């Protein structure tokens, strides 16, 4: 899981920078939010992957990874195809991101370091 999370963080970071640059020329309506989500969640995913934390944080990591993929994937497809082939991906991704951050709160409140 750690390796996959690190790779995803790198992909989100690189694609987020590319989306931010591209959004200044064209497609800001979709590429701007893509860049925002990618660049804010890449370091969070990386930190959770590398930290020695209690298991509750694994749920947060999985939710943040899933949410980032769904949300950014939907925006990328909309930009590339001009339409949303699966229109519920972004809302599902957003809900997964909210769940991930909520699990982080729960972990912070109740988890104990071993």
PDB file of N, CA and C in Angstrom:
ATOM      1  N   UNK A   1       0.829  -1.198   0.000  1.00  0.00           N
ATOM      2  CA  UNK A   1       0.000   0.000   0.000  1.00  0.00           C
ATOM      3  C   UNK A   1       0.868   1.255   0.000  1.00  0.00           C
ATOM      4  N   UNK A   2       1.958   1.226   0.786  1.00  0.00           N
ATOM      5  CA  UNK A   2       2.829   2.395   0.884  1.00  0.00           C
ATOM      6  C   UNK A   2       3.388   2.792  -0.483  1.00  0.00           C
ATOM      7  N   UNK A   3       3.863   1.808  -1.235  1.00  0.00           N
ATOM      8  CA  UNK A   3       4.453   2.100  -2.546  1.00  0.00           C
ATOM      9  C   UNK A   3       3.422   2.689  -3.500  1.00  0.00           C
ATOM     10  N   UNK A   4       2.226   2.121  -3.510  1.00  0.00           N
ATOM     11  CA  UNK A   4       1.155   2.629  -4.376  1.00  0.00           C
ATOM     12  C   UNK A   4       0.818   4.061  -3.994  1.00  0.00           C
ATOM     13  N   UNK A   5       0.736   4.348  -2.698  1.00  0.00           N
ATOM     14  CA  UNK A   5       0.418   5.703  -2.236  1.00  0.00           C
ATOM     15  C   UNK A   5       1.504   6.691  -2.642  1.00  0.00           C
ATOM     16  N   UNK A   6       2.765   6.289  -2.542  1.00  0.00           N
ATOM     17  CA  UNK A   6       3.860   7.183  -2.927  1.00  0.00           C
ATOM     18  C   UNK A   6       3.816   7.466  -4.423  1.00  0.00           C
ATOM     19  N   UNK A   7       3.574   6.426  -5.216  1.00  0.00           N
ATOM     20  CA  UNK A   7       3.469   6.614  -6.666  1.00  0.00           C
ATOM     21  C   UNK A   7       2.295   7.527  -7.001  1.00  0.00           C
ATOM     22  N   UNK A   8       1.150   7.297  -6.359  1.00  0.00           N
ATOM     23  CA  UNK A   8      -0.020   8.145  -6.606  1.00  0.00           C
ATOM     24  C   UNK A   8       0.263   9.588  -6.208  1.00  0.00           C
ATOM     25  N   UNK A   9       0.930   9.792  -5.092  1.00  0.00           N
ATOM     26  CA  UNK A   9       1.269  11.153  -4.669  1.00  0.00           C
ATOM     27  C   UNK A   9       2.137  11.829  -5.728  1.00  0.00           C
ATOM     28  N   UNK A  10       3.101  11.102  -6.261  1.00  0.00           N
ATOM     29  CA  UNK A  10       3.936  11.659  -7.322  1.00  0.00           C
ATOM     30  C   UNK A  10       3.146  11.981  -8.576  1.00  0.00           C
ATOM     31  N   UNK A  11       2.247  11.084  -8.967  1.00  0.00           N
ATOM     32  CA  UNK A  11       1.411  11.326 -10.146  1.00  0.00           C
ATOM     33  C   UNK A  11       0.492  12.527  -9.941  1.00  0.00           C
ATOM     34  N   UNK A  12      -0.097  12.609  -8.756  1.00  0.00           N
ATOM     35  CA  UNK A  12      -0.958  13.758  -8.461  1.00  0.00           C
ATOM     36  C   UNK A  12      -0.165  15.056  -8.470  1.00  0.00           C
ATOM     37  N   UNK A  13       1.022  15.031  -7.867  1.00  0.00           N
ATOM     38  CA  UNK A  13       1.848  16.237  -7.844  1.00  0.00           C
ATOM     39  C   UNK A  13       2.250  16.690  -9.230  1.00  0.00           C
ATOM     40  N   UNK A  14       2.760  15.759 -10.030  1.00  0.00           N
ATOM     41  CA  UNK A  14       3.206  16.105 -11.386  1.00  0.00           C
ATOM     42  C   UNK A  14       2.040  16.560 -12.267  1.00  0.00           C
ATOM     43  N   UNK A  15       0.942  15.807 -12.220  1.00  0.00           N
ATOM     44  CA  UNK A  15      -0.201  16.178 -13.056  1.00  0.00           C
ATOM     45  C   UNK A  15      -0.863  17.456 -12.552  1.00  0.00           C
ATOM     46  N   UNK A  16      -0.794  17.687 -11.252  1.00  0.00           N
ATOM     47  CA  UNK A  16      -1.356  18.923 -10.703  1.00  0.00           C
ATOM     48  C   UNK A  16      -0.601  20.150 -11.179  1.00  0.00           C
ATOM     49  N   UNK A  17       0.714  20.051 -11.219  1.00  0.00           N
ATOM     50  CA  UNK A  17       1.517  21.167 -11.731  1.00  0.00           C
ATOM     51  C   UNK A  17       1.216  21.377 -13.217  1.00  0.00           C
ATOM     52  N   UNK A  18       1.147  20.276 -13.976  1.00  0.00           N
ATOM     53  CA  UNK A  18       0.837  20.391 -15.404  1.00  0.00           C
ATOM     54  C   UNK A  18      -0.551  20.987 -15.619  1.00  0.00           C
ATOM     55  N   UNK A  19      -1.520  20.564 -14.814  1.00  0.00           N
ATOM     56  CA  UNK A  19      -2.881  21.099 -14.947  1.00  0.00           C
ATOM     57  C   UNK A  19      -2.930  22.576 -14.583  1.00  0.00           C
ATOM     58  N   UNK A  20      -2.173  22.961 -13.558  1.00  0.00           N
ATOM     59  CA  UNK A  20      -2.138  24.380 -13.173  1.00  0.00           C
ATOM     60  C   UNK A  20      -1.567  25.223 -14.303  1.00  0.00           C
ATOM     61  N   UNK A  21      -0.492  24.738 -14.918  1.00  0.00           N
ATOM     62  CA  UNK A  21       0.110  25.475 -16.024  1.00  0.00           C
ATOM     63  C   UNK A  21      -0.844  25.539 -17.211  1.00  0.00           C
ATOM     64  N   UNK A  22      -1.465  24.413 -17.553  1.00  0.00           N
ATOM     65  CA  UNK A  22      -2.384  24.380 -18.685  1.00  0.00           C
ATOM     66  C   UNK A  22      -3.624  25.218 -18.444  1.00  0.00           C
ATOM     67  N   UNK A  23      -4.059  25.294 -17.198  1.00  0.00           N
ATOM     68  CA  UNK A  23      -5.277  26.047 -16.908  1.00  0.00           C
ATOM     69  C   UNK A  23      -5.097  27.540 -17.131  1.00  0.00           C
ATOM     70  N   UNK A  24      -3.855  27.998 -17.112  1.00  0.00           N
ATOM     71  CA  UNK A  24      -3.631  29.428 -17.365  1.00  0.00           C
ATOM     72  C   UNK A  24      -3.762  29.754 -18.853  1.00  0.00           C
ATOM     73  N   UNK A  25      -3.767  28.750 -19.694  1.00  0.00           N
ATOM     74  CA  UNK A  25      -3.888  28.969 -21.144  1.00  0.00           C
ATOM     75  C   UNK A  25      -5.269  28.602 -21.669  1.00  0.00           C
ATOM     76  N   UNK A  26      -5.799  27.493 -21.175  1.00  0.00           N
ATOM     77  CA  UNK A  26      -7.114  27.046 -21.644  1.00  0.00           C
ATOM     78  C   UNK A  26      -7.657  26.013 -20.670  1.00  0.00           C
ATOM     79  N   UNK A  27      -8.944  25.950 -20.551  1.00  0.00           N
ATOM     80  CA  UNK A  27      -9.568  24.905 -19.746  1.00  0.00           C
ATOM     81  C   UNK A  27      -9.533  25.146 -18.253  1.00  0.00           C
ATOM     82  N   UNK A  28      -9.469  26.396 -17.836  1.00  0.00           N
ATOM     83  CA  UNK A  28      -9.370  26.700 -16.404  1.00  0.00           C
ATOM     84  C   UNK A  28     -10.563  26.183 -15.615  1.00  0.00           C
ATOM     85  N   UNK A  29     -11.720  26.062 -16.253  1.00  0.00           N
ATOM     86  CA  UNK A  29     -12.915  25.623 -15.531  1.00  0.00           C
ATOM     87  C   UNK A  29     -12.763  24.209 -14.980  1.00  0.00           C
ATOM     88  N   UNK A  30     -12.037  23.355 -15.671  1.00  0.00           N
ATOM     89  CA  UNK A  30     -11.832  21.989 -15.202  1.00  0.00           C
ATOM     90  C   UNK A  30     -10.423  21.758 -14.684  1.00  0.00           C
ATOM     91  N   UNK A  31      -9.439  22.340 -15.332  1.00  0.00           N
ATOM     92  CA  UNK A  31      -8.056  22.089 -14.942  1.00  0.00           C
ATOM     93  C   UNK A  31      -7.667  22.808 -13.659  1.00  0.00           C
ATOM     94  N   UNK A  32      -8.292  23.934 -13.372  1.00  0.00           N
ATOM     95  CA  UNK A  32      -8.023  24.642 -12.116  1.00  0.00           C
ATOM     96  C   UNK A  32      -8.411  23.809 -10.905  1.00  0.00           C
ATOM     97  N   UNK A  33      -9.657  23.299 -10.863  1.00  0.00           N
ATOM     98  CA  UNK A  33     -10.032  22.431  -9.739  1.00  0.00           C
ATOM     99  C   UNK A  33      -9.209  21.145  -9.693  1.00  0.00           C
ATOM    100  N   UNK A  34      -8.863  20.600 -10.855  1.00  0.00           N
ATOM    101  CA  UNK A  34      -8.004  19.405 -10.897  1.00  0.00           C
ATOM    102  C   UNK A  34      -6.690  19.705 -10.189  1.00  0.00           C
ATOM    103  N   UNK A  35      -6.073  20.819 -10.563  1.00  0.00           N
ATOM    104  CA  UNK A  35      -4.781  21.191  -9.966  1.00  0.00           C
ATOM    105  C   UNK A  35      -4.922  21.389  -8.463  1.00  0.00           C
ATOM    106  N   UNK A  36      -5.991  22.027  -8.045  1.00  0.00           N
ATOM    107  CA  UNK A  36      -6.202  22.270  -6.617  1.00  0.00           C
ATOM    108  C   UNK A  36      -6.301  20.961  -5.833  1.00  0.00           C
ATOM    109  N   UNK A  37      -7.138  20.053  -6.301  1.00  0.00           N
ATOM    110  CA  UNK A  37      -7.312  18.776  -5.605  1.00  0.00           C
ATOM    111  C   UNK A  37      -6.018  17.963  -5.651  1.00  0.00           C
ATOM    112  N   UNK A  38      -5.392  17.879  -6.813  1.00  0.00           N
ATOM    113  CA  UNK A  38      -4.169  17.083  -6.953  1.00  0.00           C
ATOM    114  C   UNK A  38      -3.046  17.622  -6.068  1.00  0.00           C
ATOM    115  N   UNK A  39      -2.851  18.930  -6.106  1.00  0.00           N
ATOM    116  CA  UNK A  39      -1.715  19.501  -5.374  1.00  0.00           C
ATOM    117  C   UNK A  39      -1.952  19.600  -3.865  1.00  0.00           C
ATOM    118  N   UNK A  40      -3.186  19.592  -3.428  1.00  0.00           N
ATOM    119  CA  UNK A  40      -3.426  19.600  -1.980  1.00  0.00           C
ATOM    120  C   UNK A  40      -3.434  18.197  -1.394  1.00  0.00           C
ATOM    121  N   UNK A  41      -3.831  17.211  -2.191  1.00  0.00           N
ATOM    122  CA  UNK A  41      -3.919  15.860  -1.660  1.00  0.00           C
ATOM    123  C   UNK A  41      -2.642  15.051  -1.848  1.00  0.00           C
ATOM    124  N   UNK A  42      -1.807  15.404  -2.798  1.00  0.00           N
ATOM    125  CA  UNK A  42      -0.545  14.671  -2.993  1.00  0.00           C
ATOM    126  C   UNK A  42       0.316  14.679  -1.724  1.00  0.00           C
ATOM    127  N   UNK A  43       0.563  15.831  -1.095  1.00  0.00           N
ATOM    128  CA  UNK A  43       1.382  15.794   0.121  1.00  0.00           C
ATOM    129  C   UNK A  43       0.696  15.099   1.297  1.00  0.00           C
ATOM    130  N   UNK A  44      -0.630  15.197   1.380  1.00  0.00           N
ATOM    131  CA  UNK A  44      -1.343  14.505   2.461  1.00  0.00           C
ATOM    132  C   UNK A  44      -1.216  12.997   2.295  1.00  0.00           C
ATOM    133  N   UNK A  45      -1.376  12.517   1.081  1.00  0.00           N
ATOM    134  CA  UNK A  45      -1.246  11.084   0.807  1.00  0.00           C
ATOM    135  C   UNK A  45       0.178  10.627   1.093  1.00  0.00           C
ATOM    136  N   UNK A  46       1.154  11.406   0.667  1.00  0.00           N
ATOM    137  CA  UNK A  46       2.556  11.058   0.907  1.00  0.00           C
ATOM    138  C   UNK A  46       2.846  10.996   2.407  1.00  0.00           C
ATOM    139  N   UNK A  47       2.376  11.978   3.154  1.00  0.00           N
ATOM    140  CA  UNK A  47       2.619  12.004   4.600  1.00  0.00           C
ATOM    141  C   UNK A  47       1.987  10.800   5.287  1.00  0.00           C
ATOM    142  N   UNK A  48       0.755  10.472   4.926  1.00  0.00           N
ATOM    143  CA  UNK A  48       0.096   9.317   5.533  1.00  0.00           C
ATOM    144  C   UNK A  48       0.786   8.009   5.155  1.00  0.00           C
ATOM    145  N   UNK A  49       1.301   7.937   3.939  1.00  0.00           N
ATOM    146  CA  UNK A  49       1.972   6.711   3.497  1.00  0.00           C
ATOM    147  C   UNK A  49       3.290   6.494   4.227  1.00  0.00           C
ATOM    148  N   UNK A  50       3.989   7.559   4.540  1.00  0.00           N
ATOM    149  CA  UNK A  50       5.320   7.442   5.123  1.00  0.00           C
ATOM    150  C   UNK A  50       5.326   7.430   6.650  1.00  0.00           C
ATOM    151  N   UNK A  51       4.265   7.896   7.269  1.00  0.00           N
ATOM    152  CA  UNK A  51       4.226   7.986   8.734  1.00  0.00           C
ATOM    153  C   UNK A  51       3.871   6.639   9.360  1.00  0.00           C
ATOM    154  N   UNK A  52       4.459   6.368  10.493  1.00  0.00           N
ATOM    155  CA  UNK A  52       4.113   5.164  11.261  1.00  0.00           C
ATOM    156  C   UNK A  52       2.938   5.518  12.158  1.00  0.00           C
ATOM    157  N   UNK A  53       1.741   5.270  11.657  1.00  0.00           N
ATOM    158  CA  UNK A  53       0.522   5.666  12.359  1.00  0.00           C
ATOM    159  C   UNK A  53      -0.339   4.452  12.670  1.00  0.00           C
ATOM    160  N   UNK A  54      -1.258   4.582  13.630  1.00  0.00           N
ATOM    161  CA  UNK A  54      -2.192   3.498  13.932  1.00  0.00           C
ATOM    162  C   UNK A  54      -3.065   3.158  12.713  1.00  0.00           C
ATOM    163  N   UNK A  55      -3.648   1.969  12.696  1.00  0.00           N
ATOM    164  CA  UNK A  55      -4.410   1.494  11.536  1.00  0.00           C
ATOM    165  C   UNK A  55      -5.581   2.374  11.101  1.00  0.00           C
ATOM    166  N   UNK A  56      -6.177   3.140  12.004  1.00  0.00           N
ATOM    167  CA  UNK A  56      -7.305   3.983  11.597  1.00  0.00           C
ATOM    168  C   UNK A  56      -6.891   4.940  10.483  1.00  0.00           C
ATOM    169  N   UNK A  57      -5.639   5.297  10.453  1.00  0.00           N
ATOM    170  CA  UNK A  57      -5.158   6.213   9.424  1.00  0.00           C
ATOM    171  C   UNK A  57      -5.054   5.546   8.060  1.00  0.00           C
ATOM    172  N   UNK A  58      -5.009   4.207   8.026  1.00  0.00           N
ATOM    173  CA  UNK A  58      -5.019   3.516   6.734  1.00  0.00           C
ATOM    174  C   UNK A  58      -6.329   3.769   6.002  1.00  0.00           C
ATOM    175  N   UNK A  59      -7.419   3.831   6.741  1.00  0.00           N
ATOM    176  CA  UNK A  59      -8.712   4.151   6.135  1.00  0.00           C
ATOM    177  C   UNK A  59      -8.717   5.546   5.535  1.00  0.00           C
ATOM    178  N   UNK A  60      -8.117   6.476   6.247  1.00  0.00           N
ATOM    179  CA  UNK A  60      -8.021   7.841   5.726  1.00  0.00           C
ATOM    180  C   UNK A  60      -7.184   7.862   4.455  1.00  0.00           C
ATOM    181  N   UNK A  61      -6.085   7.141   4.464  1.00  0.00           N
ATOM    182  CA  UNK A  61      -5.211   7.080   3.287  1.00  0.00           C
ATOM    183  C   UNK A  61      -5.951   6.489   2.094  1.00  0.00           C
ATOM    184  N   UNK A  62      -6.635   5.386   2.293  1.00  0.00           N
ATOM    185  CA  UNK A  62      -7.364   4.742   1.197  1.00  0.00           C
ATOM    186  C   UNK A  62      -8.461   5.659   0.665  1.00  0.00           C
ATOM    187  N   UNK A  63      -9.194   6.314   1.561  1.00  0.00           N
ATOM    188  CA  UNK A  63     -10.264   7.218   1.138  1.00  0.00           C
ATOM    189  C   UNK A  63      -9.711   8.414   0.369  1.00  0.00           C
ATOM    190  N   UNK A  64      -8.599   8.982   0.834  1.00  0.00           N
ATOM    191  CA  UNK A  64      -8.005  10.123   0.130  1.00  0.00           C
ATOM    192  C   UNK A  64      -7.455   9.704  -1.229  1.00  0.00           C
ATOM    193  N   UNK A  65      -6.859   8.538  -1.302  1.00  0.00           N
ATOM    194  CA  UNK A  65      -6.359   8.047  -2.587  1.00  0.00           C
ATOM    195  C   UNK A  65      -7.511   7.812  -3.568  1.00  0.00           C
ATOM    196  N   UNK A  66      -8.541   7.132  -3.091  1.00  0.00           N
ATOM    197  CA  UNK A  66      -9.692   6.840  -3.942  1.00  0.00           C
ATOM    198  C   UNK A  66     -10.382   8.120  -4.391  1.00  0.00           C
ATOM    199  N   UNK A  67     -10.616   9.006  -3.454  1.00  0.00           N
ATOM    200  CA  UNK A  67     -11.286  10.263  -3.781  1.00  0.00           C
ATOM    201  C   UNK A  67     -10.506  11.099  -4.771  1.00  0.00           C
ATOM    202  N   UNK A  68      -9.200  11.174  -4.591  1.00  0.00           N
ATOM    203  CA  UNK A  68      -8.363  11.942  -5.516  1.00  0.00           C
ATOM    204  C   UNK A  68      -8.416  11.359  -6.917  1.00  0.00           C
ATOM    205  N   UNK A  69      -8.328  10.032  -7.010  1.00  0.00           N
ATOM    206  CA  UNK A  69      -8.392   9.378  -8.327  1.00  0.00           C
ATOM    207  C   UNK A  69      -9.737   9.612  -9.007  1.00  0.00           C
ATOM    208  N   UNK A  70     -10.820   9.443  -8.262  1.00  0.00           N
ATOM    209  CA  UNK A  70     -12.146   9.621  -8.856  1.00  0.00           C
ATOM    210  C   UNK A  70     -12.387  11.064  -9.268  1.00  0.00           C
ATOM    211  N   UNK A  71     -12.086  11.988  -8.370  1.00  0.00           N
ATOM    212  CA  UNK A  71     -12.351  13.404  -8.644  1.00  0.00           C
ATOM    213  C   UNK A  71     -11.493  13.907  -9.800  1.00  0.00           C
ATOM    214  N   UNK A  72     -10.193  13.677  -9.699  1.00  0.00           N
ATOM    215  CA  UNK A  72      -9.291  14.154 -10.756  1.00  0.00           C
ATOM    216  C   UNK A  72      -9.533  13.406 -12.061  1.00  0.00           C
ATOM    217  N   UNK A  73      -9.814  12.111 -11.966  1.00  0.00           N
ATOM    218  CA  UNK A  73     -10.094  11.340 -13.178  1.00  0.00           C
ATOM    219  C   UNK A  73     -11.302  11.877 -13.918  1.00  0.00           C
ATOM    220  N   UNK A  74     -12.346  12.211 -13.185  1.00  0.00           N
ATOM    221  CA  UNK A  74     -13.542  12.764 -13.817  1.00  0.00           C
ATOM    222  C   UNK A  74     -13.241  14.099 -14.492  1.00  0.00           C
ATOM    223  N   UNK A  75     -12.534  14.975 -13.800  1.00  0.00           N
ATOM    224  CA  UNK A  75     -12.225  16.269 -14.400  1.00  0.00           C
ATOM    225  C   UNK A  75     -11.328  16.121 -15.621  1.00  0.00           C
ATOM    226  N   UNK A  76     -10.364  15.203 -15.567  1.00  0.00           N
ATOM    227  CA  UNK A  76      -9.491  14.977 -16.714  1.00  0.00           C
ATOM    228  C   UNK A  76     -10.282  14.440 -17.906  1.00  0.00           C
ATOM    229  N   UNK A  77     -11.169  13.481 -17.655  1.00  0.00           N
ATOM    230  CA  UNK A  77     -11.989  12.949 -18.745  1.00  0.00           C
ATOM    231  C   UNK A  77     -12.896  14.012 -19.344  1.00  0.00           C
ATOM    232  N   UNK A  78     -13.480  14.825 -18.500  1.00  0.00           N
ATOM    233  CA  UNK A  78     -14.336  15.916 -19.011  1.00  0.00           C
ATOM    234  C   UNK A  78     -13.540  16.877 -19.882  1.00  0.00           C
ATOM    235  N   UNK A  79     -12.318  17.178 -19.451  1.00  0.00           N
ATOM    236  CA  UNK A  79     -11.483  18.097 -20.230  1.00  0.00           C
ATOM    237  C   UNK A  79     -11.075  17.464 -21.562  1.00  0.00           C
ATOM    238  N   UNK A  80     -10.643  16.218 -21.513  1.00  0.00           N
ATOM    239  CA  UNK A  80     -10.156  15.563 -22.724  1.00  0.00           C
ATOM    240  C   UNK A  80     -11.268  15.198 -23.700  1.00  0.00           C
ATOM    241  N   UNK A  81     -12.399  14.740 -23.195  1.00  0.00           N
ATOM    242  CA  UNK A  81     -13.482  14.263 -24.047  1.00  0.00           C
ATOM    243  C   UNK A  81     -14.559  15.319 -24.314  1.00  0.00           C
ATOM    244  N   UNK A  82     -14.556  16.364 -23.530  1.00  0.00           N
ATOM    245  CA  UNK A  82     -15.582  17.380 -23.691  1.00  0.00           C
ATOM    246  C   UNK A  82     -16.922  16.984 -23.093  1.00  0.00           C
ATOM    247  N   UNK A  83     -16.974  15.860 -22.425  1.00  0.00           N
ATOM    248  CA  UNK A  83     -18.199  15.380 -21.797  1.00  0.00           C
ATOM    249  C   UNK A  83     -17.817  14.492 -20.619  1.00  0.00           C
ATOM    250  N   UNK A  84     -18.798  14.202 -19.803  1.00  0.00           N
ATOM    251  CA  UNK A  84     -18.567  13.340 -18.642  1.00  0.00           C
ATOM    252  C   UNK A  84     -19.139  11.955 -18.929  1.00  0.00           C
ATOM    253  N   UNK A  85     -18.286  10.984 -19.286  1.00  0.00           N
ATOM    254  CA  UNK A  85     -18.822   9.645 -19.566  1.00  0.00           C
ATOM    255  C   UNK A  85     -19.424   8.975 -18.330  1.00  0.00           C
ATOM    256  N   UNK A  86     -18.913   9.277 -17.176  1.00  0.00           N
ATOM    257  CA  UNK A  86     -19.446   8.751 -15.917  1.00  0.00           C
ATOM    258  C   UNK A  86     -19.668   9.944 -14.979  1.00  0.00           C
ATOM    259  N   UNK A  87     -20.816  10.591 -15.078  1.00  0.00           N
ATOM    260  CA  UNK A  87     -21.018  11.876 -14.398  1.00  0.00           C
ATOM    261  C   UNK A  87     -20.997  11.836 -12.871  1.00  0.00           C
ATOM    262  N   UNK A  88     -21.062  10.690 -12.260  1.00  0.00           N
ATOM    263  CA  UNK A  88     -21.065  10.640 -10.800  1.00  0.00           C
ATOM    264  C   UNK A  88     -19.686  10.419 -10.199  1.00  0.00           C
ATOM    265  N   UNK A  89     -18.649  10.365 -11.025  1.00  0.00           N
ATOM    266  CA  UNK A  89     -17.301  10.149 -10.490  1.00  0.00           C
ATOM    267  C   UNK A  89     -16.851  11.298  -9.598  1.00  0.00           C
ATOM    268  N   UNK A  90     -17.019  12.525 -10.045  1.00  0.00           N
ATOM    269  CA  UNK A  90     -16.557  13.666  -9.240  1.00  0.00           C
ATOM    270  C   UNK A  90     -17.300  13.752  -7.901  1.00  0.00           C
ATOM    271  N   UNK A  91     -18.623  13.638  -7.876  1.00  0.00           N
ATOM    272  CA  UNK A  91     -19.294  13.669  -6.578  1.00  0.00           C
ATOM    273  C   UNK A  91     -18.879  12.503  -5.672  1.00  0.00           C
ATOM    274  N   UNK A  92     -18.709  11.318  -6.238  1.00  0.00           N
ATOM    275  CA  UNK A  92     -18.259  10.177  -5.435  1.00  0.00           C
ATOM    276  C   UNK A  92     -16.849  10.430  -4.915  1.00  0.00           C
ATOM    277  N   UNK A  93     -16.006  10.997  -5.764  1.00  0.00           N
ATOM    278  CA  UNK A  93     -14.653  11.328  -5.335  1.00  0.00           C
ATOM    279  C   UNK A  93     -14.651  12.372  -4.233  1.00  0.00           C
ATOM    280  N   UNK A  94     -15.504  13.374  -4.374  1.00  0.00           N
ATOM    281  CA  UNK A  94     -15.607  14.399  -3.339  1.00  0.00           C
ATOM    282  C   UNK A  94     -16.066  13.828  -2.008  1.00  0.00           C
ATOM    283  N   UNK A  95     -17.015  12.909  -2.062  1.00  0.00           N
ATOM    284  CA  UNK A  95     -17.481  12.269  -0.824  1.00  0.00           C
ATOM    285  C   UNK A  95     -16.371  11.424  -0.199  1.00  0.00           C
ATOM    286  N   UNK A  96     -15.604  10.733  -1.033  1.00  0.00           N
ATOM    287  CA  UNK A  96     -14.489   9.936  -0.515  1.00  0.00           C
ATOM    288  C   UNK A  96     -13.432  10.837   0.119  1.00  0.00           C
ATOM    289  N   UNK A  97     -13.188  12.008  -0.471  1.00  0.00           N
ATOM    290  CA  UNK A  97     -12.226  12.949   0.111  1.00  0.00           C
ATOM    291  C   UNK A  97     -12.720  13.455   1.467  1.00  0.00           C
ATOM    292  N   UNK A  98     -13.992  13.787   1.554  1.00  0.00           N
ATOM    293  CA  UNK A  98     -14.560  14.224   2.829  1.00  0.00           C
ATOM    294  C   UNK A  98     -14.443  13.105   3.866  1.00  0.00           C
ATOM    295  N   UNK A  99     -14.717  11.875   3.462  1.00  0.00           N
ATOM    296  CA  UNK A  99     -14.574  10.733   4.361  1.00  0.00           C
ATOM    297  C   UNK A  99     -13.126  10.596   4.829  1.00  0.00           C
ATOM    298  N   UNK A 100     -12.181  10.722   3.892  1.00  0.00           N
ATOM    299  CA  UNK A 100     -10.770  10.607   4.255  1.00  0.00           C
ATOM    300  C   UNK A 100     -10.340  11.641   5.275  1.00  0.00           C
ATOM    301  N   UNK A 101     -10.727  12.875   5.058  1.00  0.00           N
ATOM    302  CA  UNK A 101     -10.367  13.922   6.023  1.00  0.00           C
ATOM    303  C   UNK A 101     -11.089  13.705   7.354  1.00  0.00           C
ATOM    304  N   UNK A 102     -12.320  13.193   7.303  1.00  0.00           N
ATOM    305  CA  UNK A 102     -13.058  12.908   8.538  1.00  0.00           C
ATOM    306  C   UNK A 102     -12.389  11.775   9.320  1.00  0.00           C
ATOM    307  N   UNK A 103     -11.903  10.752   8.620  1.00  0.00           N
ATOM    308  CA  UNK A 103     -11.192   9.664   9.293  1.00  0.00           C
ATOM    309  C   UNK A 103      -9.886  10.158   9.895  1.00  0.00           C
ATOM    310  N   UNK A 104      -9.287  11.136   9.270  1.00  0.00           N
ATOM    311  CA  UNK A 104      -8.084  11.740   9.835  1.00  0.00           C
ATOM    312  C   UNK A 104      -8.420  12.421  11.168  1.00  0.00           C
ATOM    313  N   UNK A 105      -9.557  13.101  11.215  1.00  0.00           N
ATOM    314  CA  UNK A 105     -10.005  13.722  12.465  1.00  0.00           C
ATOM    315  C   UNK A 105     -10.235  12.660  13.533  1.00  0.00           C
ATOM    316  N   UNK A 106     -10.924  11.588  13.165  1.00  0.00           N
ATOM    317  CA  UNK A 106     -11.191  10.508  14.130  1.00  0.00           C
ATOM    318  C   UNK A 106      -9.882   9.917  14.641  1.00  0.00           C
ATOM    319  N   UNK A 107      -8.952   9.687  13.737  1.00  0.00           N
ATOM    320  CA  UNK A 107      -7.648   9.172  14.150  1.00  0.00           C
ATOM    321  C   UNK A 107      -6.929  10.115  15.091  1.00  0.00           C
ATOM    322  N   UNK A 108      -6.999  11.391  14.799  1.00  0.00           N
ATOM    323  CA  UNK A 108      -6.369  12.376  15.658  1.00  0.00           C
ATOM    324  C   UNK A 108      -6.995  12.454  17.041  1.00  0.00           C
ATOM    325  N   UNK A 109      -8.293  12.222  17.093  1.00  0.00           N
ATOM    326  CA  UNK A 109      -8.990  12.286  18.377  1.00  0.00           C
ATOM    327  C   UNK A 109      -8.794  11.026  19.222  1.00  0.00           C
ATOM    328  N   UNK A 110      -8.792   9.856  18.583  1.00  0.00           N
ATOM    329  CA  UNK A 110      -8.879   8.621  19.350  1.00  0.00           C
ATOM    330  C   UNK A 110      -7.705   7.658  19.221  1.00  0.00           C
ATOM    331  N   UNK A 111      -6.916   7.766  18.192  1.00  0.00           N
ATOM    332  CA  UNK A 111      -5.840   6.788  17.986  1.00  0.00           C
ATOM    333  C   UNK A 111      -4.672   7.072  18.932  1.00  0.00           C
ATOM    334  N   UNK A 112      -4.056   5.999  19.348  1.00  0.00           N
ATOM    335  CA  UNK A 112      -2.866   6.111  20.193  1.00  0.00           C
ATOM    336  C   UNK A 112      -1.682   5.564  19.425  1.00  0.00           C
ATOM    337  N   UNK A 113      -0.567   6.231  19.574  1.00  0.00           N
ATOM    338  CA  UNK A 113       0.653   5.731  18.945  1.00  0.00           C
ATOM    339  C   UNK A 113       1.132   4.513  19.718  1.00  0.00           C
ATOM    340  N   UNK A 114       1.640   3.544  18.958  1.00  0.00           N
ATOM    341  CA  UNK A 114       2.109   2.313  19.593  1.00  0.00           C
ATOM    342  C   UNK A 114       3.427   2.504  20.118  1.00  0.00           C
TER     343      UNK A 114
END
